[in-house]
């Protein structure tokens, strides 16, 4: 939610912080898993690792526009 300059932070900021930390944690776990699959996996697992990396990159690229869109709607 939008905060005017000088206004105190509210519960929406705390929720946004926790969701952001959760997102970063899940992307990191997915990235490490995909690297593990690429290094140690069989052929099918390597393909899944590539798809997982592509999905993580797509999420990282889409998060800023999605956040801006969500804040403009509310």
N, C-alpha and C. Protein backbone atom coordinates (compact mmCIF):
# COMPACT_ATOMS: atom_id res chain seq x y z
N UNK A 1 0.84 -1.16 0.00
CA UNK A 1 0.00 0.00 0.00
C UNK A 1 0.89 1.24 0.00
N UNK A 2 0.36 2.31 -0.54
CA UNK A 2 1.12 3.55 -0.61
C UNK A 2 1.23 4.18 0.77
N UNK A 3 2.42 4.70 1.06
CA UNK A 3 2.66 5.40 2.31
C UNK A 3 3.09 6.82 1.97
N UNK A 4 2.38 7.78 2.50
CA UNK A 4 2.75 9.17 2.28
C UNK A 4 4.04 9.47 3.04
N UNK A 5 4.85 10.39 2.54
CA UNK A 5 6.08 10.72 3.25
C UNK A 5 5.78 11.19 4.68
N UNK A 6 6.51 10.64 5.63
CA UNK A 6 6.33 11.01 7.03
C UNK A 6 5.34 10.16 7.78
N UNK A 7 4.55 9.35 7.09
CA UNK A 7 3.59 8.48 7.76
C UNK A 7 4.31 7.27 8.36
N UNK A 8 3.82 6.73 9.47
CA UNK A 8 4.44 5.54 10.07
C UNK A 8 4.10 4.30 9.24
N UNK A 9 4.91 3.30 9.42
CA UNK A 9 4.66 2.04 8.74
C UNK A 9 3.52 1.31 9.42
N UNK A 10 2.81 0.49 8.65
CA UNK A 10 1.66 -0.23 9.18
C UNK A 10 1.80 -1.72 8.98
N UNK A 11 0.71 -2.42 9.23
CA UNK A 11 0.70 -3.88 9.14
C UNK A 11 0.91 -4.35 7.71
N UNK A 12 0.47 -3.56 6.74
CA UNK A 12 0.67 -3.97 5.34
C UNK A 12 2.15 -4.00 4.99
N UNK A 13 2.94 -3.12 5.60
CA UNK A 13 4.39 -3.13 5.35
C UNK A 13 5.04 -4.36 5.96
N UNK A 14 4.57 -4.77 7.13
CA UNK A 14 5.11 -5.97 7.77
C UNK A 14 4.75 -7.20 6.94
N UNK A 15 3.52 -7.26 6.46
CA UNK A 15 3.10 -8.38 5.62
C UNK A 15 3.91 -8.41 4.33
N UNK A 16 4.13 -7.26 3.73
CA UNK A 16 4.91 -7.19 2.50
C UNK A 16 6.36 -7.62 2.75
N UNK A 17 6.91 -7.27 3.88
CA UNK A 17 8.26 -7.70 4.23
C UNK A 17 8.33 -9.21 4.34
N UNK A 18 7.40 -9.82 5.06
CA UNK A 18 7.41 -11.27 5.22
C UNK A 18 7.18 -12.00 3.89
N UNK A 19 6.29 -11.47 3.06
CA UNK A 19 6.08 -12.09 1.75
C UNK A 19 7.31 -11.96 0.86
N UNK A 20 7.99 -10.83 0.94
CA UNK A 20 9.22 -10.64 0.18
C UNK A 20 10.31 -11.59 0.63
N UNK A 21 10.46 -11.75 1.94
CA UNK A 21 11.46 -12.68 2.46
C UNK A 21 11.13 -14.12 2.08
N UNK A 22 9.85 -14.46 2.11
CA UNK A 22 9.42 -15.79 1.69
C UNK A 22 9.72 -16.02 0.22
N UNK A 23 9.46 -15.03 -0.61
CA UNK A 23 9.73 -15.13 -2.05
C UNK A 23 11.23 -15.33 -2.30
N UNK A 24 12.05 -14.54 -1.63
CA UNK A 24 13.50 -14.66 -1.82
C UNK A 24 13.99 -16.03 -1.37
N UNK A 25 13.47 -16.50 -0.25
CA UNK A 25 13.88 -17.81 0.26
C UNK A 25 13.48 -18.92 -0.71
N UNK A 26 12.26 -18.87 -1.22
CA UNK A 26 11.80 -19.92 -2.14
C UNK A 26 12.56 -19.88 -3.46
N UNK A 27 12.89 -18.69 -3.96
CA UNK A 27 13.67 -18.58 -5.19
C UNK A 27 15.07 -19.14 -4.97
N UNK A 28 15.65 -18.86 -3.80
CA UNK A 28 16.99 -19.37 -3.50
C UNK A 28 16.99 -20.90 -3.42
N UNK A 29 15.99 -21.47 -2.76
CA UNK A 29 15.89 -22.93 -2.65
C UNK A 29 15.68 -23.55 -4.03
N UNK A 30 14.83 -22.94 -4.84
CA UNK A 30 14.59 -23.46 -6.19
C UNK A 30 15.86 -23.35 -7.04
N UNK A 31 16.59 -22.25 -6.90
CA UNK A 31 17.83 -22.10 -7.66
C UNK A 31 18.87 -23.13 -7.26
N UNK A 32 19.02 -23.36 -5.96
CA UNK A 32 19.98 -24.37 -5.51
C UNK A 32 19.56 -25.77 -5.94
N UNK A 33 18.27 -26.04 -5.90
CA UNK A 33 17.77 -27.34 -6.35
C UNK A 33 18.03 -27.54 -7.84
N UNK A 34 17.80 -26.50 -8.62
CA UNK A 34 18.02 -26.63 -10.07
C UNK A 34 19.50 -26.82 -10.38
N UNK A 35 20.38 -26.13 -9.64
CA UNK A 35 21.81 -26.34 -9.85
C UNK A 35 22.22 -27.76 -9.47
N UNK A 36 21.65 -28.27 -8.39
CA UNK A 36 21.93 -29.65 -7.99
C UNK A 36 21.47 -30.63 -9.07
N UNK A 37 20.29 -30.38 -9.63
CA UNK A 37 19.78 -31.26 -10.69
C UNK A 37 20.66 -31.19 -11.93
N UNK A 38 21.16 -30.01 -12.24
CA UNK A 38 22.02 -29.87 -13.42
C UNK A 38 23.34 -30.60 -13.23
N UNK A 39 23.88 -30.58 -12.04
CA UNK A 39 25.18 -31.19 -11.80
C UNK A 39 25.08 -32.70 -11.57
N UNK A 40 24.13 -33.12 -10.76
CA UNK A 40 24.06 -34.51 -10.33
C UNK A 40 22.99 -35.34 -11.03
N UNK A 41 22.07 -34.70 -11.74
CA UNK A 41 20.92 -35.43 -12.25
C UNK A 41 21.18 -36.18 -13.54
N UNK A 42 20.22 -37.07 -13.84
CA UNK A 42 20.24 -37.77 -15.11
C UNK A 42 19.70 -36.83 -16.19
N UNK A 43 19.55 -37.31 -17.39
CA UNK A 43 19.16 -36.45 -18.51
C UNK A 43 17.81 -35.79 -18.27
N UNK A 44 16.82 -36.54 -17.84
CA UNK A 44 15.50 -35.98 -17.58
C UNK A 44 15.51 -34.97 -16.45
N UNK A 45 16.32 -35.25 -15.43
CA UNK A 45 16.42 -34.33 -14.30
C UNK A 45 17.16 -33.05 -14.69
N UNK A 46 18.11 -33.15 -15.59
CA UNK A 46 18.81 -31.96 -16.07
C UNK A 46 17.86 -31.06 -16.85
N UNK A 47 17.00 -31.67 -17.64
CA UNK A 47 15.99 -30.87 -18.35
C UNK A 47 15.06 -30.16 -17.37
N UNK A 48 14.68 -30.87 -16.32
CA UNK A 48 13.84 -30.25 -15.29
C UNK A 48 14.58 -29.12 -14.59
N UNK A 49 15.88 -29.27 -14.39
CA UNK A 49 16.68 -28.21 -13.80
C UNK A 49 16.73 -26.96 -14.66
N UNK A 50 16.83 -27.15 -15.96
CA UNK A 50 16.82 -26.01 -16.89
C UNK A 50 15.47 -25.31 -16.87
N UNK A 51 14.40 -26.09 -16.86
CA UNK A 51 13.06 -25.51 -16.80
C UNK A 51 12.87 -24.75 -15.49
N UNK A 52 13.36 -25.29 -14.39
CA UNK A 52 13.25 -24.63 -13.09
C UNK A 52 14.03 -23.32 -13.07
N UNK A 53 15.20 -23.30 -13.65
CA UNK A 53 15.98 -22.06 -13.74
C UNK A 53 15.23 -21.03 -14.57
N UNK A 54 14.67 -21.45 -15.70
CA UNK A 54 13.91 -20.53 -16.54
C UNK A 54 12.70 -19.97 -15.80
N UNK A 55 12.03 -20.81 -15.04
CA UNK A 55 10.88 -20.36 -14.26
C UNK A 55 11.30 -19.35 -13.19
N UNK A 56 12.41 -19.61 -12.53
CA UNK A 56 12.92 -18.67 -11.50
C UNK A 56 13.27 -17.33 -12.11
N UNK A 57 13.92 -17.34 -13.26
CA UNK A 57 14.27 -16.09 -13.93
C UNK A 57 13.01 -15.34 -14.34
N UNK A 58 12.02 -16.06 -14.86
CA UNK A 58 10.76 -15.41 -15.24
C UNK A 58 10.07 -14.79 -14.03
N UNK A 59 10.09 -15.46 -12.89
CA UNK A 59 9.50 -14.90 -11.68
C UNK A 59 10.25 -13.66 -11.21
N UNK A 60 11.57 -13.70 -11.26
CA UNK A 60 12.36 -12.55 -10.84
C UNK A 60 12.13 -11.34 -11.74
N UNK A 61 11.94 -11.59 -13.03
CA UNK A 61 11.68 -10.49 -13.98
C UNK A 61 10.27 -9.94 -13.77
N UNK A 62 9.31 -10.81 -13.45
CA UNK A 62 7.91 -10.40 -13.36
C UNK A 62 7.53 -9.82 -12.01
N UNK A 63 8.36 -9.94 -11.00
CA UNK A 63 7.95 -9.53 -9.65
C UNK A 63 7.76 -8.02 -9.54
N UNK A 64 8.62 -7.24 -10.18
CA UNK A 64 8.50 -5.77 -10.07
C UNK A 64 7.23 -5.27 -10.75
N UNK A 65 6.96 -5.65 -12.01
CA UNK A 65 5.69 -5.20 -12.61
C UNK A 65 4.46 -5.71 -11.87
N UNK A 66 4.52 -6.92 -11.35
CA UNK A 66 3.37 -7.47 -10.61
C UNK A 66 3.14 -6.69 -9.33
N UNK A 67 4.21 -6.32 -8.65
CA UNK A 67 4.08 -5.54 -7.42
C UNK A 67 3.51 -4.16 -7.71
N UNK A 68 3.98 -3.52 -8.78
CA UNK A 68 3.45 -2.21 -9.16
C UNK A 68 1.99 -2.28 -9.56
N UNK A 69 1.63 -3.35 -10.28
CA UNK A 69 0.23 -3.53 -10.67
C UNK A 69 -0.65 -3.75 -9.45
N UNK A 70 -0.19 -4.55 -8.51
CA UNK A 70 -0.97 -4.80 -7.31
C UNK A 70 -1.15 -3.52 -6.48
N UNK A 71 -0.12 -2.70 -6.40
CA UNK A 71 -0.24 -1.48 -5.61
C UNK A 71 -1.12 -0.43 -6.32
N UNK A 72 -1.18 -0.48 -7.64
CA UNK A 72 -2.02 0.49 -8.35
C UNK A 72 -3.50 0.10 -8.29
N UNK A 73 -3.78 -1.18 -8.17
CA UNK A 73 -5.17 -1.65 -8.12
C UNK A 73 -5.80 -1.30 -6.78
N UNK A 74 -5.05 -1.46 -5.70
CA UNK A 74 -5.59 -1.21 -4.37
C UNK A 74 -5.39 0.21 -4.03
